[in-house]
Amino acid sequence: MKTLKFIGLILILFISNFTFAQQEMQNTKTPEERAKNQTKILTKACNLTQDQQLNVEKVLLVSIVKLKELRSTKPTKRGDKFAEIQVIKDNQNTEIKKIISEEQYQKYLETIEKQKEKIKENRLENRREALEGIDN
């Protein structure tokens, strides 16, 4: 029983350290760099014009800054923070929809979905690797 508790404690410590390191890696980019990178991805996926690129980058930068501020605040109820994140994302989508054509907007939505799936897959893979490392 003590061994099981000890293994559980080590597992929790390992996963929390792994998560913290992952967050540190993500936070190394400035909001401006993140907005530029996302704009590049959207430019490639949606064939944005130069003017659209500039406007989309501004919208993304505002959203990224708001999300960063929200994440840095003290935790409240999880649902409250999630609702605030959704409002920021919805505003972002509304503003981008005003900038690009309907066809481009559909590609934009597809690109976002692909990125979400990629993030989910990476998280699952990281969890599997973390668990495999503990098993060995």
C-alpha atoms as a PDB file:
ATOM      1  CA  MET A   1       0.000   0.000   0.000  1.00  0.00           C
ATOM      2  CA  LYS A   2       2.851   2.402   0.824  1.00  0.00           C
ATOM      3  CA  THR A   3       4.513   1.536  -2.459  1.00  0.00           C
ATOM      4  CA  LEU A   4       1.344   2.365  -4.362  1.00  0.00           C
ATOM      5  CA  LYS A   5       1.056   5.738  -2.621  1.00  0.00           C
ATOM      6  CA  PHE A   6       4.717   6.442  -3.305  1.00  0.00           C
ATOM      7  CA  ILE A   7       4.341   5.625  -7.001  1.00  0.00           C
ATOM      8  CA  GLY A   8       1.221   7.798  -7.174  1.00  0.00           C
ATOM      9  CA  LEU A   9       3.096  10.704  -5.587  1.00  0.00           C
ATOM     10  CA  ILE A  10       5.989  10.353  -8.012  1.00  0.00           C
ATOM     11  CA  LEU A  11       3.535  10.193 -10.914  1.00  0.00           C
ATOM     12  CA  ILE A  12       1.831  13.396  -9.796  1.00  0.00           C
ATOM     13  CA  LEU A  13       5.158  15.197  -9.352  1.00  0.00           C
ATOM     14  CA  PHE A  14       6.431  14.041 -12.717  1.00  0.00           C
ATOM     15  CA  ILE A  15       3.287  15.111 -14.589  1.00  0.00           C
ATOM     16  CA  SER A  16       3.130  18.474 -12.816  1.00  0.00           C
ATOM     17  CA  ASN A  17       6.788  19.173 -13.644  1.00  0.00           C
ATOM     18  CA  PHE A  18       6.222  18.109 -17.242  1.00  0.00           C
ATOM     19  CA  THR A  19       3.170  20.365 -17.525  1.00  0.00           C
ATOM     20  CA  PHE A  20       5.048  23.294 -15.991  1.00  0.00           C
ATOM     21  CA  ALA A  21       7.952  22.832 -18.413  1.00  0.00           C
ATOM     22  CA  GLN A  22       5.543  22.690 -21.316  1.00  0.00           C
ATOM     23  CA  GLN A  23       3.879  25.930 -20.207  1.00  0.00           C
ATOM     24  CA  GLU A  24       7.263  27.605 -19.866  1.00  0.00           C
ATOM     25  CA  MET A  25       8.127  26.632 -23.442  1.00  0.00           C
ATOM     26  CA  GLN A  26       4.845  28.055 -24.712  1.00  0.00           C
ATOM     27  CA  ASN A  27       5.296  31.294 -22.781  1.00  0.00           C
ATOM     28  CA  THR A  28       8.703  32.049 -24.251  1.00  0.00           C
ATOM     29  CA  LYS A  29       7.175  33.704 -27.322  1.00  0.00           C
ATOM     30  CA  THR A  30       5.892  37.238 -27.052  1.00  0.00           C
ATOM     31  CA  PRO A  31       2.277  37.956 -28.006  1.00  0.00           C
ATOM     32  CA  GLU A  32       3.568  39.739 -31.112  1.00  0.00           C
ATOM     33  CA  GLU A  33       5.557  36.672 -32.180  1.00  0.00           C
ATOM     34  CA  ARG A  34       2.575  34.409 -31.580  1.00  0.00           C
ATOM     35  CA  ALA A  35       0.289  36.700 -33.602  1.00  0.00           C
ATOM     36  CA  LYS A  36       2.805  36.776 -36.472  1.00  0.00           C
ATOM     37  CA  ASN A  37       3.119  32.983 -36.459  1.00  0.00           C
ATOM     38  CA  GLN A  38      -0.639  32.480 -36.443  1.00  0.00           C
ATOM     39  CA  THR A  39      -1.010  35.037 -39.228  1.00  0.00           C
ATOM     40  CA  LYS A  40       1.540  33.149 -41.324  1.00  0.00           C
ATOM     41  CA  ILE A  41      -0.411  29.929 -40.846  1.00  0.00           C
ATOM     42  CA  LEU A  42      -3.681  31.635 -41.790  1.00  0.00           C
ATOM     43  CA  THR A  43      -2.083  33.395 -44.767  1.00  0.00           C
ATOM     44  CA  LYS A  44      -0.976  30.063 -46.148  1.00  0.00           C
ATOM     45  CA  ALA A  45      -4.297  28.325 -45.437  1.00  0.00           C
ATOM     46  CA  CYS A  46      -6.636  31.140 -46.516  1.00  0.00           C
ATOM     47  CA  ASN A  47      -4.596  32.996 -49.154  1.00  0.00           C
ATOM     48  CA  LEU A  48      -4.809  36.312 -47.292  1.00  0.00           C
ATOM     49  CA  THR A  49      -3.889  39.549 -49.030  1.00  0.00           C
ATOM     50  CA  GLN A  50      -1.293  41.881 -47.507  1.00  0.00           C
ATOM     51  CA  ASP A  51      -4.017  44.158 -46.140  1.00  0.00           C
ATOM     52  CA  GLN A  52      -5.928  41.208 -44.691  1.00  0.00           C
ATOM     53  CA  GLN A  53      -2.730  39.918 -43.088  1.00  0.00           C
ATOM     54  CA  LEU A  54      -2.161  43.195 -41.267  1.00  0.00           C
ATOM     55  CA  ASN A  55      -5.742  43.390 -40.026  1.00  0.00           C
ATOM     56  CA  VAL A  56      -5.898  39.733 -38.996  1.00  0.00           C
ATOM     57  CA  GLU A  57      -2.600  40.082 -37.142  1.00  0.00           C
ATOM     58  CA  LYS A  58      -3.995  43.053 -35.182  1.00  0.00           C
ATOM     59  CA  VAL A  59      -7.102  41.070 -34.211  1.00  0.00           C
ATOM     60  CA  LEU A  60      -5.018  38.060 -33.197  1.00  0.00           C
ATOM     61  CA  LEU A  61      -2.674  40.226 -31.141  1.00  0.00           C
ATOM     62  CA  VAL A  62      -5.568  41.738 -29.203  1.00  0.00           C
ATOM     63  CA  SER A  63      -6.999  38.268 -28.528  1.00  0.00           C
ATOM     64  CA  ILE A  64      -3.646  36.831 -27.482  1.00  0.00           C
ATOM     65  CA  VAL A  65      -2.999  39.702 -25.069  1.00  0.00           C
ATOM     66  CA  LYS A  66      -6.482  39.343 -23.542  1.00  0.00           C
ATOM     67  CA  LEU A  67      -6.052  35.578 -23.165  1.00  0.00           C
ATOM     68  CA  LYS A  68      -2.627  36.020 -21.587  1.00  0.00           C
ATOM     69  CA  GLU A  69      -4.033  38.510 -19.086  1.00  0.00           C
ATOM     70  CA  LEU A  70      -6.907  36.184 -18.302  1.00  0.00           C
ATOM     71  CA  ARG A  71      -4.606  33.219 -17.749  1.00  0.00           C
ATOM     72  CA  SER A  72      -2.324  35.230 -15.465  1.00  0.00           C
ATOM     73  CA  THR A  73      -5.143  36.198 -13.118  1.00  0.00           C
ATOM     74  CA  LYS A  74      -6.001  34.236 -10.014  1.00  0.00           C
ATOM     75  CA  PRO A  75      -8.078  31.174 -10.769  1.00  0.00           C
ATOM     76  CA  THR A  76     -11.783  31.543 -10.314  1.00  0.00           C
ATOM     77  CA  LYS A  77     -14.410  28.967 -11.005  1.00  0.00           C
ATOM     78  CA  ARG A  78     -13.254  26.941 -13.986  1.00  0.00           C
ATOM     79  CA  GLY A  79     -16.481  27.520 -15.857  1.00  0.00           C
ATOM     80  CA  ASP A  80     -16.191  31.299 -15.427  1.00  0.00           C
ATOM     81  CA  LYS A  81     -12.730  31.428 -16.967  1.00  0.00           C
ATOM     82  CA  PHE A  82     -13.799  29.110 -19.764  1.00  0.00           C
ATOM     83  CA  ALA A  83     -16.759  31.386 -20.519  1.00  0.00           C
ATOM     84  CA  GLU A  84     -14.456  34.417 -20.670  1.00  0.00           C
ATOM     85  CA  ILE A  85     -12.110  32.574 -23.023  1.00  0.00           C
ATOM     86  CA  GLN A  86     -15.073  31.709 -25.261  1.00  0.00           C
ATOM     87  CA  VAL A  87     -16.126  35.374 -25.390  1.00  0.00           C
ATOM     88  CA  ILE A  88     -12.609  36.397 -26.445  1.00  0.00           C
ATOM     89  CA  LYS A  89     -12.496  33.670 -29.111  1.00  0.00           C
ATOM     90  CA  ASP A  90     -15.991  34.559 -30.382  1.00  0.00           C
ATOM     91  CA  ASN A  91     -15.004  38.231 -30.658  1.00  0.00           C
ATOM     92  CA  GLN A  92     -11.862  37.196 -32.525  1.00  0.00           C
ATOM     93  CA  ASN A  93     -13.877  35.122 -34.980  1.00  0.00           C
ATOM     94  CA  THR A  94     -16.402  37.938 -35.489  1.00  0.00           C
ATOM     95  CA  GLU A  95     -13.661  40.472 -36.208  1.00  0.00           C
ATOM     96  CA  ILE A  96     -11.831  38.137 -38.580  1.00  0.00           C
ATOM     97  CA  LYS A  97     -15.080  37.366 -40.397  1.00  0.00           C
ATOM     98  CA  LYS A  98     -15.402  41.099 -41.124  1.00  0.00           C
ATOM     99  CA  ILE A  99     -11.918  41.165 -42.667  1.00  0.00           C
ATOM    100  CA  ILE A 100     -11.941  38.108 -44.918  1.00  0.00           C
ATOM    101  CA  SER A 101     -14.313  36.649 -47.494  1.00  0.00           C
ATOM    102  CA  GLU A 102     -16.807  33.901 -46.709  1.00  0.00           C
ATOM    103  CA  GLU A 103     -14.703  31.301 -48.544  1.00  0.00           C
ATOM    104  CA  GLN A 104     -11.610  32.374 -46.617  1.00  0.00           C
ATOM    105  CA  TYR A 105     -13.582  32.295 -43.386  1.00  0.00           C
ATOM    106  CA  GLN A 106     -14.568  28.673 -43.999  1.00  0.00           C
ATOM    107  CA  LYS A 107     -10.885  27.809 -44.541  1.00  0.00           C
ATOM    108  CA  TYR A 108     -10.080  29.768 -41.370  1.00  0.00           C
ATOM    109  CA  LEU A 109     -12.545  27.673 -39.359  1.00  0.00           C
ATOM    110  CA  GLU A 110     -11.129  24.467 -40.854  1.00  0.00           C
ATOM    111  CA  THR A 111      -7.599  25.573 -39.963  1.00  0.00           C
ATOM    112  CA  ILE A 112      -8.625  26.299 -36.380  1.00  0.00           C
ATOM    113  CA  GLU A 113     -10.217  22.858 -36.079  1.00  0.00           C
ATOM    114  CA  LYS A 114      -7.080  21.209 -37.456  1.00  0.00           C
ATOM    115  CA  GLN A 115      -4.952  23.106 -34.931  1.00  0.00           C
ATOM    116  CA  LYS A 116      -7.251  22.047 -32.076  1.00  0.00           C
ATOM    117  CA  GLU A 117      -6.960  18.421 -33.148  1.00  0.00           C
ATOM    118  CA  LYS A 118      -3.193  18.723 -33.415  1.00  0.00           C
ATOM    119  CA  ILE A 119      -3.010  20.159 -29.888  1.00  0.00           C
ATOM    120  CA  LYS A 120      -5.181  17.344 -28.537  1.00  0.00           C
ATOM    121  CA  GLU A 121      -3.019  14.733 -30.248  1.00  0.00           C
ATOM    122  CA  ASN A 122       0.164  16.317 -28.884  1.00  0.00           C
ATOM    123  CA  ARG A 123      -1.258  16.376 -25.350  1.00  0.00           C
ATOM    124  CA  LEU A 124      -2.275  12.732 -25.588  1.00  0.00           C
ATOM    125  CA  GLU A 125       1.125  11.780 -26.954  1.00  0.00           C
ATOM    126  CA  ASN A 126       2.884  13.706 -24.180  1.00  0.00           C
ATOM    127  CA  ARG A 127       0.755  11.970 -21.563  1.00  0.00           C
ATOM    128  CA  ARG A 128       1.512   8.569 -23.088  1.00  0.00           C
ATOM    129  CA  GLU A 129       5.232   9.328 -23.102  1.00  0.00           C
ATOM    130  CA  ALA A 130       5.072  10.533 -19.498  1.00  0.00           C
ATOM    131  CA  LEU A 131       3.280   7.376 -18.406  1.00  0.00           C
ATOM    132  CA  GLU A 132       5.675   5.158 -20.346  1.00  0.00           C
ATOM    133  CA  GLY A 133       8.592   6.894 -18.667  1.00  0.00           C
ATOM    134  CA  ILE A 134       7.111   6.128 -15.272  1.00  0.00           C
ATOM    135  CA  ASP A 135       6.416   2.494 -16.152  1.00  0.00           C
ATOM    136  CA  ASN A 136      10.039   1.918 -17.140  1.00  0.00           C
END
